[in-house]
Amino acid sequence: MPTVASDMNCPGCGASVSLDQKTCEYCGRKLTFTSVKDVRSLSAQESMKFLRRYKDALDKAPDNPDVQTSLGLMLFDRGQFVQARQAFDRAVANGTDNADVLFYAALARFRAKKPFQFKINEAKEILEVLDSSIMMNPLPQYFYAKAHVIETLIEKKHISYPETSAVVRQEAQDAHLTEADIIDTNQILGI
């Protein structure tokens, strides 16, 4: 197998690949991921390979936002929400401008604690990050997740907030929320 200037080995075939590549030129396998749904398509064994390869790659290139994002998605899928949040935060700090990364960063924060453990300022920080993802790309799933966070961390505690979950859910509907969006987002929210 030929070798190239490497920042990572492909988790699929082991070939040396550059972190700039999105797919392995040898086996065609995706090298980085952009959603938990993509990660969930991997077997447990494949997931472990990717996780190891990302950690190795970050030893060589700790500022790579694509690898940080992919690592965050892997950790999120494994229920390691604190570590996932840290990876997403590093991806953002290193220049990613991807609304999905902000969305997953907010939800990693949300999933890292039980609802009763959140202080109001932490809840507002999560909502601010969700608002940033909505401003970048107003997807119905983002609105739907925001409505759930408002309901869970604000309304159930009888705290005043400028928006209600009902209004934000209507925004999700207006953005053409589908049943598939609800199912996918509920999985991500852990409900």
N, C-alpha and C. Protein backbone atom coordinates (compact mmCIF):
# COMPACT_ATOMS: atom_id res chain seq x y z
N MET A 1 0.84 -1.17 0.00
CA MET A 1 0.00 0.00 0.00
C MET A 1 0.89 1.24 0.00
N PRO A 2 0.64 2.21 -0.89
CA PRO A 2 1.47 3.41 -0.93
C PRO A 2 1.24 4.25 0.32
N THR A 3 2.24 5.05 0.68
CA THR A 3 2.08 5.94 1.81
C THR A 3 2.16 7.38 1.33
N VAL A 4 1.51 8.25 2.08
CA VAL A 4 1.52 9.68 1.79
C VAL A 4 1.90 10.40 3.07
N ALA A 5 2.13 11.71 2.96
CA ALA A 5 2.38 12.50 4.16
C ALA A 5 1.18 12.30 5.07
N SER A 6 1.44 11.82 6.27
CA SER A 6 0.35 11.37 7.11
C SER A 6 0.17 12.21 8.36
N ASP A 7 -1.07 12.42 8.69
CA ASP A 7 -1.43 12.97 9.98
C ASP A 7 -2.25 11.95 10.75
N MET A 8 -2.71 10.91 10.03
CA MET A 8 -3.59 9.92 10.63
C MET A 8 -3.55 8.66 9.77
N ASN A 9 -3.87 7.54 10.38
CA ASN A 9 -4.04 6.30 9.62
C ASN A 9 -5.53 6.07 9.49
N CYS A 10 -5.95 5.67 8.31
CA CYS A 10 -7.37 5.40 8.07
C CYS A 10 -7.83 4.29 9.01
N PRO A 11 -8.90 4.51 9.75
CA PRO A 11 -9.41 3.46 10.63
C PRO A 11 -9.93 2.24 9.88
N GLY A 12 -10.25 2.43 8.61
CA GLY A 12 -10.75 1.31 7.82
C GLY A 12 -9.65 0.41 7.30
N CYS A 13 -8.69 0.99 6.56
CA CYS A 13 -7.67 0.16 5.92
C CYS A 13 -6.27 0.36 6.48
N GLY A 14 -6.09 1.36 7.34
CA GLY A 14 -4.78 1.60 7.94
C GLY A 14 -3.85 2.45 7.11
N ALA A 15 -4.28 2.90 5.94
CA ALA A 15 -3.43 3.71 5.07
C ALA A 15 -3.11 5.05 5.73
N SER A 16 -1.95 5.58 5.40
CA SER A 16 -1.58 6.91 5.87
C SER A 16 -2.36 7.93 5.07
N VAL A 17 -3.03 8.82 5.77
CA VAL A 17 -3.86 9.84 5.11
C VAL A 17 -3.60 11.20 5.75
N SER A 18 -3.91 12.22 5.01
CA SER A 18 -3.79 13.58 5.50
C SER A 18 -5.09 13.96 6.20
N LEU A 19 -4.97 14.77 7.24
CA LEU A 19 -6.16 15.24 7.94
C LEU A 19 -7.01 16.17 7.07
N ASP A 20 -6.44 16.64 5.97
CA ASP A 20 -7.20 17.49 5.06
C ASP A 20 -8.20 16.70 4.23
N GLN A 21 -8.00 15.39 4.12
CA GLN A 21 -8.88 14.54 3.33
C GLN A 21 -10.16 14.25 4.10
N LYS A 22 -11.26 14.17 3.38
CA LYS A 22 -12.55 13.82 4.00
C LYS A 22 -12.81 12.33 3.88
N THR A 23 -12.25 11.70 2.84
CA THR A 23 -12.39 10.26 2.66
C THR A 23 -11.02 9.67 2.33
N CYS A 24 -10.86 8.40 2.64
CA CYS A 24 -9.62 7.70 2.36
C CYS A 24 -9.53 7.42 0.86
N GLU A 25 -8.45 7.81 0.25
CA GLU A 25 -8.30 7.60 -1.19
C GLU A 25 -8.09 6.13 -1.54
N TYR A 26 -7.79 5.30 -0.55
CA TYR A 26 -7.53 3.88 -0.80
C TYR A 26 -8.77 3.02 -0.63
N CYS A 27 -9.50 3.23 0.44
CA CYS A 27 -10.67 2.36 0.68
C CYS A 27 -12.00 3.10 0.53
N GLY A 28 -11.95 4.43 0.38
CA GLY A 28 -13.17 5.21 0.18
C GLY A 28 -13.96 5.50 1.45
N ARG A 29 -13.44 5.08 2.59
CA ARG A 29 -14.13 5.27 3.87
C ARG A 29 -14.08 6.73 4.30
N LYS A 30 -15.17 7.20 4.88
CA LYS A 30 -15.24 8.54 5.45
C LYS A 30 -14.23 8.64 6.59
N LEU A 31 -13.46 9.73 6.64
CA LEU A 31 -12.44 9.89 7.68
C LEU A 31 -12.91 10.75 8.84
N THR A 32 -13.78 11.70 8.56
CA THR A 32 -14.33 12.54 9.62
C THR A 32 -15.84 12.53 9.53
N PHE A 33 -16.48 12.86 10.63
CA PHE A 33 -17.94 12.80 10.71
C PHE A 33 -18.51 14.16 11.07
N THR A 34 -19.77 14.37 10.70
CA THR A 34 -20.43 15.63 10.99
C THR A 34 -21.72 15.47 11.78
N SER A 35 -22.12 14.23 12.07
CA SER A 35 -23.33 14.03 12.86
C SER A 35 -23.26 12.74 13.65
N VAL A 36 -24.02 12.69 14.72
CA VAL A 36 -24.11 11.48 15.53
C VAL A 36 -24.72 10.36 14.70
N LYS A 37 -25.62 10.71 13.80
CA LYS A 37 -26.25 9.71 12.94
C LYS A 37 -25.20 8.96 12.12
N ASP A 38 -24.21 9.70 11.60
CA ASP A 38 -23.10 9.07 10.86
C ASP A 38 -22.31 8.12 11.76
N VAL A 39 -22.04 8.57 12.97
CA VAL A 39 -21.27 7.76 13.92
C VAL A 39 -22.02 6.49 14.27
N ARG A 40 -23.32 6.59 14.41
CA ARG A 40 -24.13 5.43 14.80
C ARG A 40 -24.19 4.37 13.70
N SER A 41 -23.75 4.70 12.51
CA SER A 41 -23.73 3.72 11.43
C SER A 41 -22.53 2.77 11.56
N LEU A 42 -21.58 3.09 12.45
CA LEU A 42 -20.40 2.26 12.65
C LEU A 42 -20.69 1.12 13.61
N SER A 43 -19.99 0.03 13.43
CA SER A 43 -20.06 -1.06 14.42
C SER A 43 -19.27 -0.62 15.65
N ALA A 44 -19.45 -1.32 16.74
CA ALA A 44 -18.72 -1.00 17.97
C ALA A 44 -17.21 -1.10 17.74
N GLN A 45 -16.79 -2.11 17.00
CA GLN A 45 -15.38 -2.29 16.70
C GLN A 45 -14.85 -1.13 15.85
N GLU A 46 -15.60 -0.75 14.83
CA GLU A 46 -15.19 0.38 13.98
C GLU A 46 -15.12 1.66 14.80
N SER A 47 -16.10 1.85 15.66
CA SER A 47 -16.13 3.04 16.50
C SER A 47 -14.88 3.14 17.37
N MET A 48 -14.47 2.03 17.95
CA MET A 48 -13.26 2.02 18.77
C MET A 48 -12.02 2.36 17.93
N LYS A 49 -11.96 1.84 16.71
CA LYS A 49 -10.83 2.15 15.82
C LYS A 49 -10.77 3.65 15.53
N PHE A 50 -11.93 4.22 15.18
CA PHE A 50 -11.97 5.65 14.88
C PHE A 50 -11.58 6.47 16.11
N LEU A 51 -12.09 6.09 17.25
CA LEU A 51 -11.79 6.81 18.49
C LEU A 51 -10.28 6.82 18.72
N ARG A 52 -9.64 5.67 18.60
CA ARG A 52 -8.18 5.59 18.78
C ARG A 52 -7.44 6.43 17.74
N ARG A 53 -7.88 6.34 16.49
CA ARG A 53 -7.20 7.09 15.41
C ARG A 53 -7.32 8.59 15.63
N TYR A 54 -8.49 9.04 16.08
CA TYR A 54 -8.67 10.48 16.33
C TYR A 54 -7.77 10.95 17.47
N LYS A 55 -7.71 10.16 18.53
CA LYS A 55 -6.84 10.54 19.65
C LYS A 55 -5.39 10.59 19.21
N ASP A 56 -4.95 9.62 18.41
CA ASP A 56 -3.58 9.62 17.87
C ASP A 56 -3.35 10.83 16.98
N ALA A 57 -4.32 11.14 16.12
CA ALA A 57 -4.18 12.27 15.20
C ALA A 57 -4.08 13.58 15.97
N LEU A 58 -4.81 13.70 17.07
CA LEU A 58 -4.77 14.94 17.85
C LEU A 58 -3.45 15.11 18.59
N ASP A 59 -2.73 14.01 18.81
CA ASP A 59 -1.38 14.14 19.37
C ASP A 59 -0.47 14.87 18.39
N LYS A 60 -0.70 14.66 17.09
CA LYS A 60 0.11 15.28 16.05
C LYS A 60 -0.42 16.65 15.64
N ALA A 61 -1.74 16.81 15.65
CA ALA A 61 -2.37 18.06 15.20
C ALA A 61 -3.52 18.42 16.14
N PRO A 62 -3.19 18.91 17.34
CA PRO A 62 -4.23 19.14 18.35
C PRO A 62 -5.23 20.24 17.99
N ASP A 63 -4.91 21.05 17.00
CA ASP A 63 -5.80 22.16 16.64
C ASP A 63 -6.70 21.87 15.46
N ASN A 64 -6.77 20.63 15.01
CA ASN A 64 -7.58 20.31 13.84
C ASN A 64 -9.06 20.24 14.22
N PRO A 65 -9.88 21.20 13.76
CA PRO A 65 -11.29 21.22 14.17
C PRO A 65 -12.11 20.04 13.63
N ASP A 66 -11.75 19.51 12.46
CA ASP A 66 -12.51 18.38 11.92
C ASP A 66 -12.31 17.13 12.78
N VAL A 67 -11.09 16.91 13.22
CA VAL A 67 -10.82 15.75 14.07
C VAL A 67 -11.43 15.97 15.45
N GLN A 68 -11.33 17.20 15.97
CA GLN A 68 -11.96 17.50 17.27
C GLN A 68 -13.47 17.25 17.19
N THR A 69 -14.09 17.67 16.10
CA THR A 69 -15.53 17.46 15.92
C THR A 69 -15.85 15.97 15.86
N SER A 70 -15.10 15.24 15.06
CA SER A 70 -15.34 13.80 14.93
C SER A 70 -15.14 13.09 16.26
N LEU A 71 -14.09 13.47 16.99
CA LEU A 71 -13.86 12.89 18.31
C LEU A 71 -15.04 13.22 19.23
N GLY A 72 -15.49 14.46 19.19
CA GLY A 72 -16.64 14.86 20.00
C GLY A 72 -17.88 14.04 19.69
N LEU A 73 -18.13 13.79 18.41
CA LEU A 73 -19.29 12.99 18.02
C LEU A 73 -19.17 11.55 18.52
N MET A 74 -17.96 11.00 18.42
CA MET A 74 -17.73 9.64 18.93
C MET A 74 -18.00 9.57 20.43
N LEU A 75 -17.45 10.54 21.15
CA LEU A 75 -17.63 10.56 22.61
C LEU A 75 -19.09 10.80 22.98
N PHE A 76 -19.75 11.68 22.25
CA PHE A 76 -21.17 11.95 22.49
C PHE A 76 -21.98 10.66 22.34
N ASP A 77 -21.72 9.94 21.27
CA ASP A 77 -22.45 8.70 21.02
C ASP A 77 -22.18 7.66 22.11
N ARG A 78 -21.03 7.72 22.72
CA ARG A 78 -20.67 6.77 23.78
C ARG A 78 -21.18 7.22 25.15
N GLY A 79 -21.84 8.39 25.19
CA GLY A 79 -22.36 8.89 26.47
C GLY A 79 -21.33 9.61 27.31
N GLN A 80 -20.21 9.94 26.73
CA GLN A 80 -19.15 10.66 27.44
C GLN A 80 -19.31 12.15 27.15
N PHE A 81 -20.35 12.74 27.74
CA PHE A 81 -20.77 14.08 27.36
C PHE A 81 -19.81 15.18 27.80
N VAL A 82 -19.17 15.05 28.94
CA VAL A 82 -18.22 16.07 29.39
C VAL A 82 -17.03 16.12 28.41
N GLN A 83 -16.50 14.95 28.07
CA GLN A 83 -15.37 14.90 27.13
C GLN A 83 -15.80 15.34 25.73
N ALA A 84 -17.02 14.99 25.34
CA ALA A 84 -17.53 15.42 24.03
C ALA A 84 -17.62 16.94 23.99
N ARG A 85 -18.15 17.52 25.04
CA ARG A 85 -18.27 18.98 25.10
C ARG A 85 -16.90 19.62 24.96
N GLN A 86 -15.90 19.07 25.65
CA GLN A 86 -14.54 19.63 25.56
C GLN A 86 -14.01 19.57 24.13
N ALA A 87 -14.25 18.45 23.45
CA ALA A 87 -13.80 18.32 22.06
C ALA A 87 -14.52 19.32 21.16
N PHE A 88 -15.82 19.47 21.33
CA PHE A 88 -16.58 20.44 20.52
C PHE A 88 -16.10 21.87 20.81
N ASP A 89 -15.88 22.18 22.08
CA ASP A 89 -15.40 23.52 22.43
C ASP A 89 -14.04 23.80 21.80
N ARG A 90 -13.17 22.79 21.77
CA ARG A 90 -11.86 22.97 21.11
C ARG A 90 -12.03 23.16 19.60
N ALA A 91 -12.96 22.45 19.01
CA ALA A 91 -13.22 22.62 17.57
C ALA A 91 -13.67 24.05 17.28
N VAL A 92 -14.55 24.57 18.12
CA VAL A 92 -15.02 25.95 17.95
C VAL A 92 -13.87 26.92 18.17
N ALA A 93 -13.09 26.71 19.21
CA ALA A 93 -11.95 27.59 19.50
C ALA A 93 -10.91 27.57 18.38
N ASN A 94 -10.85 26.45 17.65
CA ASN A 94 -9.87 26.31 16.56
C ASN A 94 -10.45 26.68 15.20
N GLY A 95 -11.58 27.35 15.20
CA GLY A 95 -12.04 27.96 13.97
C GLY A 95 -13.19 27.31 13.23
N THR A 96 -13.77 26.24 13.74
CA THR A 96 -14.90 25.69 13.01
C THR A 96 -16.06 26.68 13.07
N ASP A 97 -16.76 26.79 11.98
CA ASP A 97 -17.93 27.66 11.94
C ASP A 97 -19.15 26.85 11.51
N ASN A 98 -19.22 25.66 12.02
CA ASN A 98 -20.26 24.71 11.66
C ASN A 98 -21.38 24.76 12.70
N ALA A 99 -22.59 25.03 12.26
CA ALA A 99 -23.73 25.11 13.17
C ALA A 99 -23.97 23.80 13.89
N ASP A 100 -23.71 22.68 13.23
CA ASP A 100 -23.90 21.37 13.87
C ASP A 100 -22.96 21.20 15.07
N VAL A 101 -21.76 21.70 14.96
CA VAL A 101 -20.81 21.58 16.07
C VAL A 101 -21.34 22.35 17.28
N LEU A 102 -21.86 23.55 17.04
CA LEU A 102 -22.45 24.32 18.15
C LEU A 102 -23.65 23.59 18.73
N PHE A 103 -24.48 23.02 17.87
CA PHE A 103 -25.65 22.27 18.31
C PHE A 103 -25.24 21.11 19.22
N TYR A 104 -24.29 20.32 18.77
CA TYR A 104 -23.83 19.18 19.58
C TYR A 104 -23.11 19.64 20.84
N ALA A 105 -22.39 20.76 20.77
CA ALA A 105 -21.73 21.28 21.96
C ALA A 105 -22.77 21.64 23.02
N ALA A 106 -23.84 22.29 22.60
CA ALA A 106 -24.91 22.66 23.54
C ALA A 106 -25.56 21.42 24.13
N LEU A 107 -25.82 20.43 23.29
CA LEU A 107 -26.50 19.23 23.78
C LEU A 107 -25.58 18.35 24.62
N ALA A 108 -24.28 18.41 24.37
CA ALA A 108 -23.35 17.70 25.24
C ALA A 108 -23.37 18.32 26.64
N ARG A 109 -23.44 19.65 26.70
CA ARG A 109 -23.58 20.32 28.00
C ARG A 109 -24.87 19.90 28.69
N PHE A 110 -25.94 19.88 27.91
CA PHE A 110 -27.26 19.52 28.45
C PHE A 110 -27.26 18.10 28.98
N ARG A 111 -26.66 17.18 28.26
CA ARG A 111 -26.69 15.76 28.63
C ARG A 111 -25.68 15.42 29.73
N ALA A 112 -24.74 16.33 30.01
CA ALA A 112 -23.68 16.04 30.99
C ALA A 112 -24.17 16.04 32.43
N LYS A 113 -25.34 16.60 32.68
CA LYS A 113 -25.86 16.69 34.04
C LYS A 113 -27.34 16.31 34.06
N LYS A 114 -27.83 16.04 35.24
CA LYS A 114 -29.26 15.86 35.45
C LYS A 114 -29.89 17.25 35.47
N PRO A 115 -31.14 17.38 35.00
CA PRO A 115 -31.77 18.71 34.95
C PRO A 115 -31.74 19.49 36.27
N PHE A 116 -31.93 18.82 37.39
CA PHE A 116 -31.95 19.53 38.67
C PHE A 116 -30.58 20.06 39.08
N GLN A 117 -29.52 19.62 38.43
CA GLN A 117 -28.16 20.05 38.77
C GLN A 117 -27.76 21.36 38.11
N PHE A 118 -28.53 21.81 37.14
CA PHE A 118 -28.16 23.02 36.40
C PHE A 118 -28.51 24.28 37.18
N LYS A 119 -27.59 25.22 37.13
CA LYS A 119 -27.86 26.56 37.63
C LYS A 119 -28.42 27.35 36.46
N ILE A 120 -29.12 28.43 36.76
CA ILE A 120 -29.78 29.21 35.71
C ILE A 120 -28.76 29.73 34.68
N ASN A 121 -27.58 30.17 35.14
CA ASN A 121 -26.60 30.70 34.18
C ASN A 121 -26.10 29.60 33.23
N GLU A 122 -26.01 28.36 33.72
CA GLU A 122 -25.61 27.25 32.84
C GLU A 122 -26.69 26.96 31.80
N ALA A 123 -27.94 27.01 32.22
CA ALA A 123 -29.05 26.81 31.29
C ALA A 123 -29.04 27.90 30.22
N LYS A 124 -28.82 29.12 30.63
CA LYS A 124 -28.79 30.24 29.67
C LYS A 124 -27.62 30.10 28.70
N GLU A 125 -26.48 29.60 29.17
CA GLU A 125 -25.33 29.38 28.28
C GLU A 125 -25.68 28.34 27.21
N ILE A 126 -26.35 27.27 27.60
CA ILE A 126 -26.76 26.25 26.63
C ILE A 126 -27.69 26.88 25.60
N LEU A 127 -28.65 27.68 26.06
CA LEU A 127 -29.59 28.31 25.14
C LEU A 127 -28.90 29.32 24.23
N GLU A 128 -27.90 30.01 24.73
CA GLU A 128 -27.14 30.94 23.88
C GLU A 128 -26.41 30.20 22.76
N VAL A 129 -25.82 29.05 23.09
CA VAL A 129 -25.13 28.26 22.07
C VAL A 129 -26.14 27.73 21.05
N LEU A 130 -27.30 27.27 21.52
CA LEU A 130 -28.35 26.83 20.59
C LEU A 130 -28.81 27.99 19.71
N ASP A 131 -28.94 29.18 20.28
CA ASP A 131 -29.32 30.35 19.49
C ASP A 131 -28.28 30.64 18.41
N SER A 132 -27.00 30.48 18.75
CA SER A 132 -25.94 30.69 17.75
C SER A 132 -26.07 29.69 16.60
N SER A 133 -26.35 28.43 16.94
CA SER A 133 -26.50 27.44 15.87
C SER A 133 -27.72 27.76 15.02
N ILE A 134 -28.79 28.23 15.64
CA ILE A 134 -30.01 28.59 14.90
C ILE A 134 -29.74 29.79 13.99
N MET A 135 -28.98 30.76 14.48
CA MET A 135 -28.67 31.93 13.64
C MET A 135 -27.85 31.52 12.42
N MET A 136 -26.95 30.54 12.60
CA MET A 136 -26.12 30.08 11.50
C MET A 136 -26.91 29.25 10.50
N ASN A 137 -27.84 28.43 11.00
CA ASN A 137 -28.60 27.52 10.15
C ASN A 137 -29.91 27.16 10.88
N PRO A 138 -30.99 27.82 10.57
CA PRO A 138 -32.24 27.64 11.32
C PRO A 138 -32.96 26.31 11.00
N LEU A 139 -32.35 25.22 11.41
CA LEU A 139 -32.94 23.90 11.18
C LEU A 139 -34.04 23.62 12.19
N PRO A 140 -35.07 22.91 11.78
CA PRO A 140 -36.16 22.62 12.71
C PRO A 140 -35.71 21.82 13.93
N GLN A 141 -34.72 20.93 13.76
CA GLN A 141 -34.21 20.15 14.89
C GLN A 141 -33.61 21.05 15.96
N TYR A 142 -32.96 22.11 15.54
CA TYR A 142 -32.35 23.04 16.50
C TYR A 142 -33.44 23.71 17.35
N PHE A 143 -34.50 24.16 16.68
CA PHE A 143 -35.62 24.77 17.40
C PHE A 143 -36.26 23.76 18.36
N TYR A 144 -36.46 22.56 17.86
CA TYR A 144 -37.09 21.51 18.67
C TYR A 144 -36.25 21.22 19.92
N ALA A 145 -34.94 21.09 19.76
CA ALA A 145 -34.06 20.85 20.91
C ALA A 145 -34.09 22.03 21.87
N LYS A 146 -34.09 23.23 21.33
CA LYS A 146 -34.15 24.43 22.18
C LYS A 146 -35.43 24.44 23.00
N ALA A 147 -36.54 24.09 22.38
CA ALA A 147 -37.82 24.04 23.11
C ALA A 147 -37.73 23.06 24.27
N HIS A 148 -37.12 21.91 24.03
CA HIS A 148 -36.97 20.91 25.08
C HIS A 148 -36.10 21.44 26.23
N VAL A 149 -35.01 22.11 25.89
CA VAL A 149 -34.12 22.67 26.91
C VAL A 149 -34.86 23.73 27.73
N ILE A 150 -35.60 24.60 27.06
CA ILE A 150 -36.38 25.62 27.78
C ILE A 150 -37.37 24.96 28.73
N GLU A 151 -38.09 23.98 28.23
CA GLU A 151 -39.07 23.30 29.06
C GLU A 151 -38.41 22.62 30.27
N THR A 152 -37.32 21.91 30.03
CA THR A 152 -36.67 21.11 31.06
C THR A 152 -35.90 21.94 32.08
N LEU A 153 -35.13 22.92 31.60
CA LEU A 153 -34.24 23.65 32.50
C LEU A 153 -34.79 25.00 32.97
N ILE A 154 -35.82 25.50 32.32
CA ILE A 154 -36.36 26.82 32.68
C ILE A 154 -37.79 26.68 33.23
N GLU A 155 -38.68 26.20 32.40
CA GLU A 155 -40.10 26.19 32.77
C GLU A 155 -40.41 25.25 33.93
N LYS A 156 -39.81 24.09 33.96
CA LYS A 156 -40.08 23.15 35.06
C LYS A 156 -39.57 23.68 36.40
N LYS A 157 -38.67 24.64 36.34
CA LYS A 157 -38.16 25.27 37.57
C LYS A 157 -38.87 26.59 37.86
N HIS A 158 -39.86 26.91 37.02
CA HIS A 158 -40.65 28.13 37.18
C HIS A 158 -39.80 29.39 37.15
N ILE A 159 -38.85 29.40 36.21
CA ILE A 159 -37.96 30.54 36.03
C ILE A 159 -38.46 31.34 34.84
N SER A 160 -38.42 32.64 34.97
CA SER A 160 -38.85 33.52 33.88
C SER A 160 -37.78 33.52 32.78
N TYR A 161 -38.26 33.45 31.54
CA TYR A 161 -37.36 33.47 30.39
C TYR A 161 -38.11 34.14 29.24
N PRO A 162 -37.42 34.88 28.37
CA PRO A 162 -38.10 35.63 27.32
C PRO A 162 -38.89 34.78 26.30
N GLU A 163 -38.52 33.53 26.14
CA GLU A 163 -39.20 32.66 25.19
C GLU A 163 -39.83 31.49 25.94
N THR A 164 -40.91 30.98 25.39
CA THR A 164 -41.53 29.79 25.97
C THR A 164 -41.25 28.59 25.06
N SER A 165 -41.32 27.41 25.64
CA SER A 165 -41.11 26.21 24.83
C SER A 165 -42.18 26.09 23.76
N ALA A 166 -43.40 26.53 24.05
CA ALA A 166 -44.49 26.45 23.08
C ALA A 166 -44.20 27.32 21.85
N VAL A 167 -43.69 28.51 22.07
CA VAL A 167 -43.36 29.41 20.96
C VAL A 167 -42.23 28.83 20.12
N VAL A 168 -41.21 28.29 20.78
CA VAL A 168 -40.06 27.73 20.06
C VAL A 168 -40.48 26.46 19.33
N ARG A 169 -41.37 25.66 19.91
CA ARG A 169 -41.88 24.47 19.20
C ARG A 169 -42.65 24.89 17.94
N GLN A 170 -43.36 25.98 18.03
CA GLN A 170 -44.07 26.48 16.85
C GLN A 170 -43.07 26.93 15.79
N GLU A 171 -41.97 27.52 16.21
CA GLU A 171 -40.91 27.90 15.26
C GLU A 171 -40.35 26.65 14.57
N ALA A 172 -40.22 25.57 15.32
CA ALA A 172 -39.76 24.30 14.74
C ALA A 172 -40.76 23.82 13.70
N GLN A 173 -42.04 23.90 14.02
CA GLN A 173 -43.08 23.50 13.06
C GLN A 173 -43.04 24.39 11.82
N ASP A 174 -42.88 25.69 12.04
CA ASP A 174 -42.80 26.64 10.92
C ASP A 174 -41.58 26.38 10.03
N ALA A 175 -40.55 25.81 10.61
CA ALA A 175 -39.33 25.47 9.86
C ALA A 175 -39.45 24.08 9.23
N HIS A 176 -40.66 23.50 9.25
CA HIS A 176 -40.97 22.22 8.61
C HIS A 176 -40.39 21.01 9.35
N LEU A 177 -40.60 20.98 10.65
CA LEU A 177 -40.19 19.85 11.47
C LEU A 177 -40.93 18.60 11.00
N THR A 178 -40.18 17.53 10.81
CA THR A 178 -40.80 16.26 10.39
C THR A 178 -40.77 15.27 11.54
N GLU A 179 -41.52 14.20 11.38
CA GLU A 179 -41.51 13.13 12.38
C GLU A 179 -40.11 12.53 12.50
N ALA A 180 -39.41 12.39 11.38
CA ALA A 180 -38.04 11.87 11.40
C ALA A 180 -37.12 12.81 12.18
N ASP A 181 -37.30 14.12 12.03
CA ASP A 181 -36.52 15.09 12.80
C ASP A 181 -36.75 14.91 14.29
N ILE A 182 -38.00 14.71 14.66
CA ILE A 182 -38.35 14.53 16.08
C ILE A 182 -37.68 13.28 16.63
N ILE A 183 -37.78 12.19 15.90
CA ILE A 183 -37.18 10.92 16.35
C ILE A 183 -35.67 11.07 16.50
N ASP A 184 -35.01 11.64 15.49
CA ASP A 184 -33.55 11.82 15.55
C ASP A 184 -33.14 12.74 16.70
N THR A 185 -33.86 13.85 16.87
CA THR A 185 -33.51 14.80 17.91
C THR A 185 -33.79 14.21 19.30
N ASN A 186 -34.88 13.47 19.43
CA ASN A 186 -35.15 12.82 20.72
C ASN A 186 -34.04 11.85 21.10
N GLN A 187 -33.50 11.14 20.12
CA GLN A 187 -32.37 10.23 20.39
C GLN A 187 -31.17 11.02 20.89
N ILE A 188 -30.89 12.12 20.23
CA ILE A 188 -29.75 12.96 20.62
C ILE A 188 -29.97 13.57 22.01
N LEU A 189 -31.23 13.93 22.30
CA LEU A 189 -31.56 14.50 23.61
C LEU A 189 -31.65 13.44 24.70
N GLY A 190 -31.69 12.21 24.32
CA GLY A 190 -31.79 11.14 25.30
C GLY A 190 -33.19 10.95 25.87
N ILE A 191 -34.20 11.28 25.07
CA ILE A 191 -35.60 11.12 25.52
C ILE A 191 -36.34 10.18 24.63
